[in-house]
Amino acid sequence: MGQIILKNIRIHTNHGCLTEEELIGSDYRVDLKVKLNLEKSIASDELADTINYVHLNRIVKEEMAIRSKLLEHVAGRISNRIFNELTDAKKVIIKISKLNPPIGGDVEGVSIKIKRKRFC
């Protein structure tokens, strides 16, 4: 078993429950870990035998671009797409952070983190 890790994907988008968040947006950071069996790609040295991190990055960016009230919902969509599109993915860990959230205080960020396994 191994992991593919995408760290600190930075995105500006419009999630949140407040009207202001929809209008001006916020900066977000996404960290993604996908667990899978890497033995075939270790032996073959072929991209076709692993999960392409470019594909993972595209999924994150596309799902983050769809407005949602809750980061939990966005993380669920990201994990669902990974499991639907990438059959080698066994487990997904996603952390989404909203940087400088509008919560009436000096807060660097708020984050949610989910861990999901493929059910089959």
PDB file of N, CA and C in Angstrom:
ATOM      1  N   MET A   1       0.849  -1.179   0.000  1.00  0.00           N
ATOM      2  CA  MET A   1       0.000   0.000   0.000  1.00  0.00           C
ATOM      3  C   MET A   1       0.890   1.235   0.000  1.00  0.00           C
ATOM      4  N   GLY A   2       0.430   2.273  -0.627  1.00  0.00           N
ATOM      5  CA  GLY A   2       1.167   3.530  -0.675  1.00  0.00           C
ATOM      6  C   GLY A   2       0.201   4.698  -0.701  1.00  0.00           C
ATOM      7  N   GLN A   3       0.748   5.888  -0.865  1.00  0.00           N
ATOM      8  CA  GLN A   3      -0.070   7.096  -0.893  1.00  0.00           C
ATOM      9  C   GLN A   3       0.416   8.034  -1.987  1.00  0.00           C
ATOM     10  N   ILE A   4      -0.520   8.740  -2.573  1.00  0.00           N
ATOM     11  CA  ILE A   4      -0.213   9.893  -3.412  1.00  0.00           C
ATOM     12  C   ILE A   4      -0.737  11.093  -2.639  1.00  0.00           C
ATOM     13  N   ILE A   5       0.119  12.088  -2.454  1.00  0.00           N
ATOM     14  CA  ILE A   5      -0.226  13.234  -1.614  1.00  0.00           C
ATOM     15  C   ILE A   5      -0.104  14.513  -2.432  1.00  0.00           C
ATOM     16  N   LEU A   6      -1.163  15.297  -2.445  1.00  0.00           N
ATOM     17  CA  LEU A   6      -1.138  16.642  -3.011  1.00  0.00           C
ATOM     18  C   LEU A   6      -1.287  17.592  -1.836  1.00  0.00           C
ATOM     19  N   LYS A   7      -0.320  18.471  -1.676  1.00  0.00           N
ATOM     20  CA  LYS A   7      -0.254  19.315  -0.495  1.00  0.00           C
ATOM     21  C   LYS A   7      -0.379  20.781  -0.884  1.00  0.00           C
ATOM     22  N   ASN A   8      -1.227  21.481  -0.148  1.00  0.00           N
ATOM     23  CA  ASN A   8      -1.328  22.932  -0.271  1.00  0.00           C
ATOM     24  C   ASN A   8      -1.803  23.386  -1.654  1.00  0.00           C
ATOM     25  N   ILE A   9      -2.861  22.757  -2.157  1.00  0.00           N
ATOM     26  CA  ILE A   9      -3.504  23.227  -3.388  1.00  0.00           C
ATOM     27  C   ILE A   9      -4.217  24.528  -3.021  1.00  0.00           C
ATOM     28  N   ARG A  10      -3.864  25.621  -3.663  1.00  0.00           N
ATOM     29  CA  ARG A  10      -4.428  26.925  -3.326  1.00  0.00           C
ATOM     30  C   ARG A  10      -5.472  27.340  -4.360  1.00  0.00           C
ATOM     31  N   ILE A  11      -6.634  27.760  -3.847  1.00  0.00           N
ATOM     32  CA  ILE A  11      -7.766  28.098  -4.709  1.00  0.00           C
ATOM     33  C   ILE A  11      -8.508  29.288  -4.106  1.00  0.00           C
ATOM     34  N   HIS A  12      -8.949  30.205  -4.945  1.00  0.00           N
ATOM     35  CA  HIS A  12      -9.853  31.281  -4.520  1.00  0.00           C
ATOM     36  C   HIS A  12     -11.229  30.949  -5.084  1.00  0.00           C
ATOM     37  N   THR A  13     -12.221  30.845  -4.201  1.00  0.00           N
ATOM     38  CA  THR A  13     -13.569  30.496  -4.649  1.00  0.00           C
ATOM     39  C   THR A  13     -14.598  31.026  -3.662  1.00  0.00           C
ATOM     40  N   ASN A  14     -15.863  30.684  -3.852  1.00  0.00           N
ATOM     41  CA  ASN A  14     -16.968  31.363  -3.176  1.00  0.00           C
ATOM     42  C   ASN A  14     -17.833  30.465  -2.301  1.00  0.00           C
ATOM     43  N   HIS A  15     -17.252  29.665  -1.425  1.00  0.00           N
ATOM     44  CA  HIS A  15     -18.041  28.823  -0.529  1.00  0.00           C
ATOM     45  C   HIS A  15     -18.453  29.598   0.714  1.00  0.00           C
ATOM     46  N   GLY A  16     -19.524  29.123   1.350  1.00  0.00           N
ATOM     47  CA  GLY A  16     -19.946  29.700   2.620  1.00  0.00           C
ATOM     48  C   GLY A  16     -21.420  30.009   2.641  1.00  0.00           C
ATOM     49  N   CYS A  17     -21.904  30.316   3.829  1.00  0.00           N
ATOM     50  CA  CYS A  17     -23.326  30.586   4.043  1.00  0.00           C
ATOM     51  C   CYS A  17     -23.671  32.064   3.902  1.00  0.00           C
ATOM     52  N   LEU A  18     -22.688  32.932   3.963  1.00  0.00           N
ATOM     53  CA  LEU A  18     -22.942  34.371   3.917  1.00  0.00           C
ATOM     54  C   LEU A  18     -22.976  34.885   2.479  1.00  0.00           C
ATOM     55  N   THR A  19     -23.836  35.869   2.243  1.00  0.00           N
ATOM     56  CA  THR A  19     -23.928  36.498   0.919  1.00  0.00           C
ATOM     57  C   THR A  19     -22.585  37.108   0.525  1.00  0.00           C
ATOM     58  N   GLU A  20     -21.903  37.711   1.493  1.00  0.00           N
ATOM     59  CA  GLU A  20     -20.604  38.329   1.228  1.00  0.00           C
ATOM     60  C   GLU A  20     -19.590  37.308   0.716  1.00  0.00           C
ATOM     61  N   GLU A  21     -19.666  36.092   1.253  1.00  0.00           N
ATOM     62  CA  GLU A  21     -18.738  35.045   0.812  1.00  0.00           C
ATOM     63  C   GLU A  21     -18.988  34.678  -0.647  1.00  0.00           C
ATOM     64  N   GLU A  22     -20.248  34.717  -1.039  1.00  0.00           N
ATOM     65  CA  GLU A  22     -20.581  34.421  -2.437  1.00  0.00           C
ATOM     66  C   GLU A  22     -20.057  35.521  -3.358  1.00  0.00           C
ATOM     67  N   LEU A  23     -20.145  36.757  -2.906  1.00  0.00           N
ATOM     68  CA  LEU A  23     -19.761  37.889  -3.750  1.00  0.00           C
ATOM     69  C   LEU A  23     -18.249  38.067  -3.868  1.00  0.00           C
ATOM     70  N   ILE A  24     -17.539  38.021  -2.746  1.00  0.00           N
ATOM     71  CA  ILE A  24     -16.100  38.311  -2.801  1.00  0.00           C
ATOM     72  C   ILE A  24     -15.222  37.068  -2.742  1.00  0.00           C
ATOM     73  N   GLY A  25     -15.747  35.984  -2.212  1.00  0.00           N
ATOM     74  CA  GLY A  25     -14.982  34.746  -2.134  1.00  0.00           C
ATOM     75  C   GLY A  25     -13.924  34.775  -1.048  1.00  0.00           C
ATOM     76  N   SER A  26     -13.222  33.679  -0.941  1.00  0.00           N
ATOM     77  CA  SER A  26     -12.159  33.514   0.053  1.00  0.00           C
ATOM     78  C   SER A  26     -11.057  32.648  -0.539  1.00  0.00           C
ATOM     79  N   ASP A  27      -9.932  32.668   0.123  1.00  0.00           N
ATOM     80  CA  ASP A  27      -8.826  31.793  -0.259  1.00  0.00           C
ATOM     81  C   ASP A  27      -8.930  30.488   0.522  1.00  0.00           C
ATOM     82  N   TYR A  28      -8.643  29.388  -0.169  1.00  0.00           N
ATOM     83  CA  TYR A  28      -8.737  28.054   0.420  1.00  0.00           C
ATOM     84  C   TYR A  28      -7.451  27.296   0.157  1.00  0.00           C
ATOM     85  N   ARG A  29      -7.199  26.332   1.032  1.00  0.00           N
ATOM     86  CA  ARG A  29      -6.079  25.413   0.849  1.00  0.00           C
ATOM     87  C   ARG A  29      -6.625  23.998   0.999  1.00  0.00           C
ATOM     88  N   VAL A  30      -6.238  23.120   0.072  1.00  0.00           N
ATOM     89  CA  VAL A  30      -6.686  21.729   0.104  1.00  0.00           C
ATOM     90  C   VAL A  30      -5.464  20.821   0.170  1.00  0.00           C
ATOM     91  N   ASP A  31      -5.514  19.863   1.091  1.00  0.00           N
ATOM     92  CA  ASP A  31      -4.512  18.799   1.182  1.00  0.00           C
ATOM     93  C   ASP A  31      -5.234  17.489   0.918  1.00  0.00           C
ATOM     94  N   LEU A  32      -4.654  16.654   0.075  1.00  0.00           N
ATOM     95  CA  LEU A  32      -5.303  15.418  -0.346  1.00  0.00           C
ATOM     96  C   LEU A  32      -4.322  14.255  -0.254  1.00  0.00           C
ATOM     97  N   LYS A  33      -4.778  13.153   0.354  1.00  0.00           N
ATOM     98  CA  LYS A  33      -4.019  11.896   0.364  1.00  0.00           C
ATOM     99  C   LYS A  33      -4.917  10.818  -0.212  1.00  0.00           C
ATOM    100  N   VAL A  34      -4.376  10.067  -1.140  1.00  0.00           N
ATOM    101  CA  VAL A  34      -5.098   8.938  -1.722  1.00  0.00           C
ATOM    102  C   VAL A  34      -4.256   7.694  -1.479  1.00  0.00           C
ATOM    103  N   LYS A  35      -4.846   6.718  -0.814  1.00  0.00           N
ATOM    104  CA  LYS A  35      -4.143   5.455  -0.555  1.00  0.00           C
ATOM    105  C   LYS A  35      -4.498   4.456  -1.642  1.00  0.00           C
ATOM    106  N   LEU A  36      -3.459   3.734  -2.110  1.00  0.00           N
ATOM    107  CA  LEU A  36      -3.623   2.776  -3.191  1.00  0.00           C
ATOM    108  C   LEU A  36      -2.445   1.815  -3.174  1.00  0.00           C
ATOM    109  N   ASN A  37      -2.557   0.775  -3.950  1.00  0.00           N
ATOM    110  CA  ASN A  37      -1.460  -0.178  -4.104  1.00  0.00           C
ATOM    111  C   ASN A  37      -0.524   0.356  -5.191  1.00  0.00           C
ATOM    112  N   LEU A  38       0.710   0.624  -4.819  1.00  0.00           N
ATOM    113  CA  LEU A  38       1.688   1.179  -5.762  1.00  0.00           C
ATOM    114  C   LEU A  38       2.645   0.135  -6.333  1.00  0.00           C
ATOM    115  N   GLU A  39       2.470  -1.122  -5.981  1.00  0.00           N
ATOM    116  CA  GLU A  39       3.430  -2.157  -6.393  1.00  0.00           C
ATOM    117  C   GLU A  39       3.569  -2.273  -7.911  1.00  0.00           C
ATOM    118  N   LYS A  40       2.458  -2.180  -8.633  1.00  0.00           N
ATOM    119  CA  LYS A  40       2.523  -2.319 -10.096  1.00  0.00           C
ATOM    120  C   LYS A  40       3.332  -1.178 -10.719  1.00  0.00           C
ATOM    121  N   SER A  41       3.081   0.051 -10.278  1.00  0.00           N
ATOM    122  CA  SER A  41       3.817   1.190 -10.850  1.00  0.00           C
ATOM    123  C   SER A  41       5.278   1.215 -10.391  1.00  0.00           C
ATOM    124  N   ILE A  42       5.545   0.694  -9.192  1.00  0.00           N
ATOM    125  CA  ILE A  42       6.936   0.580  -8.739  1.00  0.00           C
ATOM    126  C   ILE A  42       7.719  -0.321  -9.694  1.00  0.00           C
ATOM    127  N   ALA A  43       7.102  -1.417 -10.096  1.00  0.00           N
ATOM    128  CA  ALA A  43       7.770  -2.378 -10.984  1.00  0.00           C
ATOM    129  C   ALA A  43       7.816  -1.908 -12.433  1.00  0.00           C
ATOM    130  N   SER A  44       6.738  -1.262 -12.904  1.00  0.00           N
ATOM    131  CA  SER A  44       6.631  -0.967 -14.336  1.00  0.00           C
ATOM    132  C   SER A  44       7.212   0.378 -14.754  1.00  0.00           C
ATOM    133  N   ASP A  45       7.218   1.369 -13.850  1.00  0.00           N
ATOM    134  CA  ASP A  45       7.629   2.731 -14.184  1.00  0.00           C
ATOM    135  C   ASP A  45       6.714   3.347 -15.241  1.00  0.00           C
ATOM    136  N   GLU A  46       5.431   2.954 -15.228  1.00  0.00           N
ATOM    137  CA  GLU A  46       4.454   3.455 -16.203  1.00  0.00           C
ATOM    138  C   GLU A  46       3.349   4.242 -15.499  1.00  0.00           C
ATOM    139  N   LEU A  47       3.041   5.419 -16.033  1.00  0.00           N
ATOM    140  CA  LEU A  47       1.985   6.263 -15.482  1.00  0.00           C
ATOM    141  C   LEU A  47       0.635   5.557 -15.490  1.00  0.00           C
ATOM    142  N   ALA A  48       0.394   4.729 -16.478  1.00  0.00           N
ATOM    143  CA  ALA A  48      -0.880   4.011 -16.591  1.00  0.00           C
ATOM    144  C   ALA A  48      -1.108   3.042 -15.431  1.00  0.00           C
ATOM    145  N   ASP A  49      -0.063   2.726 -14.680  1.00  0.00           N
ATOM    146  CA  ASP A  49      -0.171   1.768 -13.576  1.00  0.00           C
ATOM    147  C   ASP A  49      -0.330   2.432 -12.210  1.00  0.00           C
ATOM    148  N   THR A  50      -0.646   3.706 -12.202  1.00  0.00           N
ATOM    149  CA  THR A  50      -0.848   4.427 -10.944  1.00  0.00           C
ATOM    150  C   THR A  50      -1.974   5.436 -11.128  1.00  0.00           C
ATOM    151  N   ILE A  51      -2.200   6.256 -10.127  1.00  0.00           N
ATOM    152  CA  ILE A  51      -3.155   7.360 -10.237  1.00  0.00           C
ATOM    153  C   ILE A  51      -2.360   8.619 -10.560  1.00  0.00           C
ATOM    154  N   ASN A  52      -2.750   9.288 -11.621  1.00  0.00           N
ATOM    155  CA  ASN A  52      -2.070  10.493 -12.073  1.00  0.00           C
ATOM    156  C   ASN A  52      -2.451  11.663 -11.163  1.00  0.00           C
ATOM    157  N   TYR A  53      -1.469  12.286 -10.526  1.00  0.00           N
ATOM    158  CA  TYR A  53      -1.787  13.387  -9.623  1.00  0.00           C
ATOM    159  C   TYR A  53      -2.332  14.606 -10.357  1.00  0.00           C
ATOM    160  N   VAL A  54      -2.104  14.706 -11.666  1.00  0.00           N
ATOM    161  CA  VAL A  54      -2.720  15.777 -12.459  1.00  0.00           C
ATOM    162  C   VAL A  54      -4.238  15.588 -12.473  1.00  0.00           C
ATOM    163  N   HIS A  55      -4.693  14.343 -12.595  1.00  0.00           N
ATOM    164  CA  HIS A  55      -6.123  14.027 -12.560  1.00  0.00           C
ATOM    165  C   HIS A  55      -6.706  14.388 -11.190  1.00  0.00           C
ATOM    166  N   LEU A  56      -5.998  14.045 -10.124  1.00  0.00           N
ATOM    167  CA  LEU A  56      -6.468  14.386  -8.777  1.00  0.00           C
ATOM    168  C   LEU A  56      -6.585  15.897  -8.602  1.00  0.00           C
ATOM    169  N   ASN A  57      -5.593  16.634  -9.054  1.00  0.00           N
ATOM    170  CA  ASN A  57      -5.620  18.090  -8.942  1.00  0.00           C
ATOM    171  C   ASN A  57      -6.795  18.678  -9.716  1.00  0.00           C
ATOM    172  N   ARG A  58      -7.068  18.143 -10.893  1.00  0.00           N
ATOM    173  CA  ARG A  58      -8.198  18.617 -11.697  1.00  0.00           C
ATOM    174  C   ARG A  58      -9.523  18.382 -10.969  1.00  0.00           C
ATOM    175  N   ILE A  59      -9.697  17.204 -10.372  1.00  0.00           N
ATOM    176  CA  ILE A  59     -10.921  16.916  -9.617  1.00  0.00           C
ATOM    177  C   ILE A  59     -11.095  17.932  -8.490  1.00  0.00           C
ATOM    178  N   VAL A  60     -10.036  18.179  -7.733  1.00  0.00           N
ATOM    179  CA  VAL A  60     -10.116  19.136  -6.626  1.00  0.00           C
ATOM    180  C   VAL A  60     -10.510  20.514  -7.136  1.00  0.00           C
ATOM    181  N   LYS A  61      -9.847  20.998  -8.170  1.00  0.00           N
ATOM    182  CA  LYS A  61     -10.138  22.336  -8.692  1.00  0.00           C
ATOM    183  C   LYS A  61     -11.560  22.442  -9.235  1.00  0.00           C
ATOM    184  N   GLU A  62     -12.015  21.430  -9.958  1.00  0.00           N
ATOM    185  CA  GLU A  62     -13.370  21.475 -10.518  1.00  0.00           C
ATOM    186  C   GLU A  62     -14.430  21.448  -9.428  1.00  0.00           C
ATOM    187  N   GLU A  63     -14.256  20.614  -8.423  1.00  0.00           N
ATOM    188  CA  GLU A  63     -15.250  20.538  -7.349  1.00  0.00           C
ATOM    189  C   GLU A  63     -15.204  21.768  -6.446  1.00  0.00           C
ATOM    190  N   MET A  64     -14.033  22.314  -6.228  1.00  0.00           N
ATOM    191  CA  MET A  64     -13.932  23.540  -5.431  1.00  0.00           C
ATOM    192  C   MET A  64     -14.572  24.726  -6.148  1.00  0.00           C
ATOM    193  N   ALA A  65     -14.672  24.676  -7.459  1.00  0.00           N
ATOM    194  CA  ALA A  65     -15.273  25.767  -8.228  1.00  0.00           C
ATOM    195  C   ALA A  65     -16.795  25.784  -8.137  1.00  0.00           C
ATOM    196  N   ILE A  66     -17.400  24.702  -7.658  1.00  0.00           N
ATOM    197  CA  ILE A  66     -18.860  24.623  -7.525  1.00  0.00           C
ATOM    198  C   ILE A  66     -19.235  25.127  -6.135  1.00  0.00           C
ATOM    199  N   ARG A  67     -19.984  26.209  -6.083  1.00  0.00           N
ATOM    200  CA  ARG A  67     -20.333  26.838  -4.806  1.00  0.00           C
ATOM    201  C   ARG A  67     -21.115  25.893  -3.904  1.00  0.00           C
ATOM    202  N   SER A  68     -20.725  25.870  -2.643  1.00  0.00           N
ATOM    203  CA  SER A  68     -21.424  25.107  -1.608  1.00  0.00           C
ATOM    204  C   SER A  68     -21.428  25.918  -0.325  1.00  0.00           C
ATOM    205  N   LYS A  69     -22.395  25.650   0.523  1.00  0.00           N
ATOM    206  CA  LYS A  69     -22.439  26.316   1.823  1.00  0.00           C
ATOM    207  C   LYS A  69     -21.402  25.726   2.775  1.00  0.00           C
ATOM    208  N   LEU A  70     -21.222  24.405   2.706  1.00  0.00           N
ATOM    209  CA  LEU A  70     -20.373  23.711   3.675  1.00  0.00           C
ATOM    210  C   LEU A  70     -19.157  23.061   3.021  1.00  0.00           C
ATOM    211  N   LEU A  71     -18.012  23.206   3.657  1.00  0.00           N
ATOM    212  CA  LEU A  71     -16.799  22.558   3.163  1.00  0.00           C
ATOM    213  C   LEU A  71     -16.913  21.043   3.241  1.00  0.00           C
ATOM    214  N   GLU A  72     -17.680  20.545   4.207  1.00  0.00           N
ATOM    215  CA  GLU A  72     -17.904  19.109   4.321  1.00  0.00           C
ATOM    216  C   GLU A  72     -18.528  18.549   3.042  1.00  0.00           C
ATOM    217  N   HIS A  73     -19.464  19.316   2.484  1.00  0.00           N
ATOM    218  CA  HIS A  73     -20.140  18.899   1.250  1.00  0.00           C
ATOM    219  C   HIS A  73     -19.152  18.851   0.081  1.00  0.00           C
ATOM    220  N   VAL A  74     -18.299  19.856   0.002  1.00  0.00           N
ATOM    221  CA  VAL A  74     -17.291  19.894  -1.063  1.00  0.00           C
ATOM    222  C   VAL A  74     -16.346  18.697  -0.936  1.00  0.00           C
ATOM    223  N   ALA A  75     -15.885  18.421   0.274  1.00  0.00           N
ATOM    224  CA  ALA A  75     -14.982  17.284   0.495  1.00  0.00           C
ATOM    225  C   ALA A  75     -15.654  15.970   0.108  1.00  0.00           C
ATOM    226  N   GLY A  76     -16.938  15.845   0.401  1.00  0.00           N
ATOM    227  CA  GLY A  76     -17.674  14.644   0.007  1.00  0.00           C
ATOM    228  C   GLY A  76     -17.745  14.486  -1.498  1.00  0.00           C
ATOM    229  N   ARG A  77     -17.977  15.585  -2.204  1.00  0.00           N
ATOM    230  CA  ARG A  77     -18.017  15.529  -3.673  1.00  0.00           C
ATOM    231  C   ARG A  77     -16.659  15.143  -4.242  1.00  0.00           C
ATOM    232  N   ILE A  78     -15.599  15.712  -3.688  1.00  0.00           N
ATOM    233  CA  ILE A  78     -14.250  15.380  -4.162  1.00  0.00           C
ATOM    234  C   ILE A  78     -13.985  13.894  -3.977  1.00  0.00           C
ATOM    235  N   SER A  79     -14.269  13.367  -2.793  1.00  0.00           N
ATOM    236  CA  SER A  79     -14.005  11.939  -2.547  1.00  0.00           C
ATOM    237  C   SER A  79     -14.878  11.057  -3.427  1.00  0.00           C
ATOM    238  N   ASN A  80     -16.133  11.426  -3.628  1.00  0.00           N
ATOM    239  CA  ASN A  80     -17.007  10.636  -4.510  1.00  0.00           C
ATOM    240  C   ASN A  80     -16.459  10.573  -5.928  1.00  0.00           C
ATOM    241  N   ARG A  81     -16.000  11.698  -6.441  1.00  0.00           N
ATOM    242  CA  ARG A  81     -15.440  11.699  -7.798  1.00  0.00           C
ATOM    243  C   ARG A  81     -14.175  10.866  -7.891  1.00  0.00           C
ATOM    244  N   ILE A  82     -13.331  10.949  -6.884  1.00  0.00           N
ATOM    245  CA  ILE A  82     -12.105  10.145  -6.900  1.00  0.00           C
ATOM    246  C   ILE A  82     -12.463   8.670  -6.952  1.00  0.00           C
ATOM    247  N   PHE A  83     -13.387   8.227  -6.110  1.00  0.00           N
ATOM    248  CA  PHE A  83     -13.772   6.816  -6.106  1.00  0.00           C
ATOM    249  C   PHE A  83     -14.473   6.413  -7.404  1.00  0.00           C
ATOM    250  N   ASN A  84     -15.266   7.313  -7.987  1.00  0.00           N
ATOM    251  CA  ASN A  84     -15.972   7.000  -9.237  1.00  0.00           C
ATOM    252  C   ASN A  84     -15.046   6.964 -10.446  1.00  0.00           C
ATOM    253  N   GLU A  85     -14.061   7.831 -10.482  1.00  0.00           N
ATOM    254  CA  GLU A  85     -13.207   7.965 -11.660  1.00  0.00           C
ATOM    255  C   GLU A  85     -11.901   7.177 -11.572  1.00  0.00           C
ATOM    256  N   LEU A  86     -11.461   6.858 -10.370  1.00  0.00           N
ATOM    257  CA  LEU A  86     -10.147   6.238 -10.186  1.00  0.00           C
ATOM    258  C   LEU A  86     -10.307   4.968  -9.360  1.00  0.00           C
ATOM    259  N   THR A  87     -10.472   3.868 -10.046  1.00  0.00           N
ATOM    260  CA  THR A  87     -10.807   2.607  -9.375  1.00  0.00           C
ATOM    261  C   THR A  87      -9.692   2.078  -8.476  1.00  0.00           C
ATOM    262  N   ASP A  88      -8.464   2.540  -8.651  1.00  0.00           N
ATOM    263  CA  ASP A  88      -7.361   2.087  -7.799  1.00  0.00           C
ATOM    264  C   ASP A  88      -7.356   2.756  -6.422  1.00  0.00           C
ATOM    265  N   ALA A  89      -8.096   3.852  -6.262  1.00  0.00           N
ATOM    266  CA  ALA A  89      -8.126   4.560  -4.979  1.00  0.00           C
ATOM    267  C   ALA A  89      -8.860   3.724  -3.939  1.00  0.00           C
ATOM    268  N   LYS A  90      -8.194   3.463  -2.809  1.00  0.00           N
ATOM    269  CA  LYS A  90      -8.777   2.650  -1.733  1.00  0.00           C
ATOM    270  C   LYS A  90      -9.279   3.502  -0.576  1.00  0.00           C
ATOM    271  N   LYS A  91      -8.582   4.599  -0.294  1.00  0.00           N
ATOM    272  CA  LYS A  91      -8.941   5.475   0.815  1.00  0.00           C
ATOM    273  C   LYS A  91      -8.562   6.898   0.434  1.00  0.00           C
ATOM    274  N   VAL A  92      -9.373   7.861   0.870  1.00  0.00           N
ATOM    275  CA  VAL A  92      -9.126   9.265   0.580  1.00  0.00           C
ATOM    276  C   VAL A  92      -9.176  10.045   1.895  1.00  0.00           C
ATOM    277  N   ILE A  93      -8.203  10.907   2.083  1.00  0.00           N
ATOM    278  CA  ILE A  93      -8.194  11.829   3.220  1.00  0.00           C
ATOM    279  C   ILE A  93      -8.097  13.234   2.639  1.00  0.00           C
ATOM    280  N   ILE A  94      -9.064  14.077   2.975  1.00  0.00           N
ATOM    281  CA  ILE A  94      -9.120  15.435   2.428  1.00  0.00           C
ATOM    282  C   ILE A  94      -9.214  16.427   3.578  1.00  0.00           C
ATOM    283  N   LYS A  95      -8.373  17.442   3.515  1.00  0.00           N
ATOM    284  CA  LYS A  95      -8.459  18.554   4.457  1.00  0.00           C
ATOM    285  C   LYS A  95      -8.651  19.824   3.640  1.00  0.00           C
ATOM    286  N   ILE A  96      -9.730  20.553   3.924  1.00  0.00           N
ATOM    287  CA  ILE A  96     -10.001  21.822   3.255  1.00  0.00           C
ATOM    288  C   ILE A  96      -9.960  22.917   4.316  1.00  0.00           C
ATOM    289  N   SER A  97      -9.168  23.953   4.053  1.00  0.00           N
ATOM    290  CA  SER A  97      -9.031  25.072   4.981  1.00  0.00           C
ATOM    291  C   SER A  97      -9.484  26.359   4.309  1.00  0.00           C
ATOM    292  N   LYS A  98     -10.320  27.104   5.015  1.00  0.00           N
ATOM    293  CA  LYS A  98     -10.694  28.452   4.577  1.00  0.00           C
ATOM    294  C   LYS A  98      -9.764  29.408   5.314  1.00  0.00           C
ATOM    295  N   LEU A  99      -9.002  30.189   4.555  1.00  0.00           N
ATOM    296  CA  LEU A  99      -8.014  31.085   5.142  1.00  0.00           C
ATOM    297  C   LEU A  99      -8.651  32.432   5.474  1.00  0.00           C
ATOM    298  N   ASN A 100      -8.317  32.965   6.623  1.00  0.00           N
ATOM    299  CA  ASN A 100      -8.864  34.249   7.083  1.00  0.00           C
ATOM    300  C   ASN A 100     -10.387  34.296   6.973  1.00  0.00           C
ATOM    301  N   PRO A 101     -11.097  33.384   7.629  1.00  0.00           N
ATOM    302  CA  PRO A 101     -12.552  33.324   7.500  1.00  0.00           C
ATOM    303  C   PRO A 101     -13.230  34.535   8.149  1.00  0.00           C
ATOM    304  N   PRO A 102     -14.394  34.930   7.621  1.00  0.00           N
ATOM    305  CA  PRO A 102     -15.109  36.084   8.180  1.00  0.00           C
ATOM    306  C   PRO A 102     -15.913  35.688   9.425  1.00  0.00           C
ATOM    307  N   ILE A 103     -15.205  35.471  10.542  1.00  0.00           N
ATOM    308  CA  ILE A 103     -15.907  35.027  11.750  1.00  0.00           C
ATOM    309  C   ILE A 103     -15.758  36.019  12.901  1.00  0.00           C
ATOM    310  N   GLY A 104     -15.415  37.247  12.587  1.00  0.00           N
ATOM    311  CA  GLY A 104     -15.367  38.280  13.613  1.00  0.00           C
ATOM    312  C   GLY A 104     -14.183  38.173  14.553  1.00  0.00           C
ATOM    313  N   GLY A 105     -13.061  37.731  14.050  1.00  0.00           N
ATOM    314  CA  GLY A 105     -11.866  37.636  14.879  1.00  0.00           C
ATOM    315  C   GLY A 105     -10.648  37.426  14.008  1.00  0.00           C
ATOM    316  N   ASP A 106      -9.487  37.492  14.623  1.00  0.00           N
ATOM    317  CA  ASP A 106      -8.238  37.294  13.901  1.00  0.00           C
ATOM    318  C   ASP A 106      -7.908  35.802  13.913  1.00  0.00           C
ATOM    319  N   VAL A 107      -8.429  35.094  12.924  1.00  0.00           N
ATOM    320  CA  VAL A 107      -8.258  33.642  12.826  1.00  0.00           C
ATOM    321  C   VAL A 107      -7.562  33.332  11.510  1.00  0.00           C
ATOM    322  N   GLU A 108      -6.454  32.618  11.580  1.00  0.00           N
ATOM    323  CA  GLU A 108      -5.698  32.286  10.371  1.00  0.00           C
ATOM    324  C   GLU A 108      -6.503  31.417   9.420  1.00  0.00           C
ATOM    325  N   GLY A 109      -7.258  30.470   9.971  1.00  0.00           N
ATOM    326  CA  GLY A 109      -8.040  29.595   9.105  1.00  0.00           C
ATOM    327  C   GLY A 109      -8.910  28.648   9.901  1.00  0.00           C
ATOM    328  N   VAL A 110      -9.889  28.107   9.219  1.00  0.00           N
ATOM    329  CA  VAL A 110     -10.718  27.030   9.763  1.00  0.00           C
ATOM    330  C   VAL A 110     -10.627  25.870   8.781  1.00  0.00           C
ATOM    331  N   SER A 111     -10.694  24.642   9.301  1.00  0.00           N
ATOM    332  CA  SER A 111     -10.500  23.471   8.448  1.00  0.00           C
ATOM    333  C   SER A 111     -11.500  22.379   8.776  1.00  0.00           C
ATOM    334  N   ILE A 112     -11.786  21.568   7.760  1.00  0.00           N
ATOM    335  CA  ILE A 112     -12.490  20.309   7.968  1.00  0.00           C
ATOM    336  C   ILE A 112     -11.600  19.221   7.377  1.00  0.00           C
ATOM    337  N   LYS A 113     -11.724  18.023   7.924  1.00  0.00           N
ATOM    338  CA  LYS A 113     -10.940  16.894   7.426  1.00  0.00           C
ATOM    339  C   LYS A 113     -11.841  15.672   7.428  1.00  0.00           C
ATOM    340  N   ILE A 114     -11.858  14.965   6.297  1.00  0.00           N
ATOM    341  CA  ILE A 114     -12.631  13.728   6.229  1.00  0.00           C
ATOM    342  C   ILE A 114     -11.730  12.588   5.771  1.00  0.00           C
ATOM    343  N   LYS A 115     -12.088  11.392   6.205  1.00  0.00           N
ATOM    344  CA  LYS A 115     -11.426  10.160   5.763  1.00  0.00           C
ATOM    345  C   LYS A 115     -12.525   9.240   5.269  1.00  0.00           C
ATOM    346  N   ARG A 116     -12.385   8.765   4.041  1.00  0.00           N
ATOM    347  CA  ARG A 116     -13.388   7.864   3.477  1.00  0.00           C
ATOM    348  C   ARG A 116     -12.702   6.688   2.804  1.00  0.00           C
ATOM    349  N   LYS A 117     -13.321   5.530   2.941  1.00  0.00           N
ATOM    350  CA  LYS A 117     -12.824   4.313   2.300  1.00  0.00           C
ATOM    351  C   LYS A 117     -13.780   3.900   1.197  1.00  0.00           C
ATOM    352  N   ARG A 118     -13.213   3.257   0.189  1.00  0.00           N
ATOM    353  CA  ARG A 118     -14.039   2.689  -0.877  1.00  0.00           C
ATOM    354  C   ARG A 118     -14.796   1.497  -0.299  1.00  0.00           C
ATOM    355  N   PHE A 119     -16.083   1.453  -0.566  1.00  0.00           N
ATOM    356  CA  PHE A 119     -16.897   0.312  -0.139  1.00  0.00           C
ATOM    357  C   PHE A 119     -17.171  -0.565  -1.337  1.00  0.00           C
ATOM    358  N   CYS A 120     -16.672  -1.788  -1.303  1.00  0.00           N
ATOM    359  CA  CYS A 120     -16.941  -2.736  -2.389  1.00  0.00           C
ATOM    360  C   CYS A 120     -16.714  -4.146  -1.930  1.00  0.00           C
TER     361      CYS A 120
END
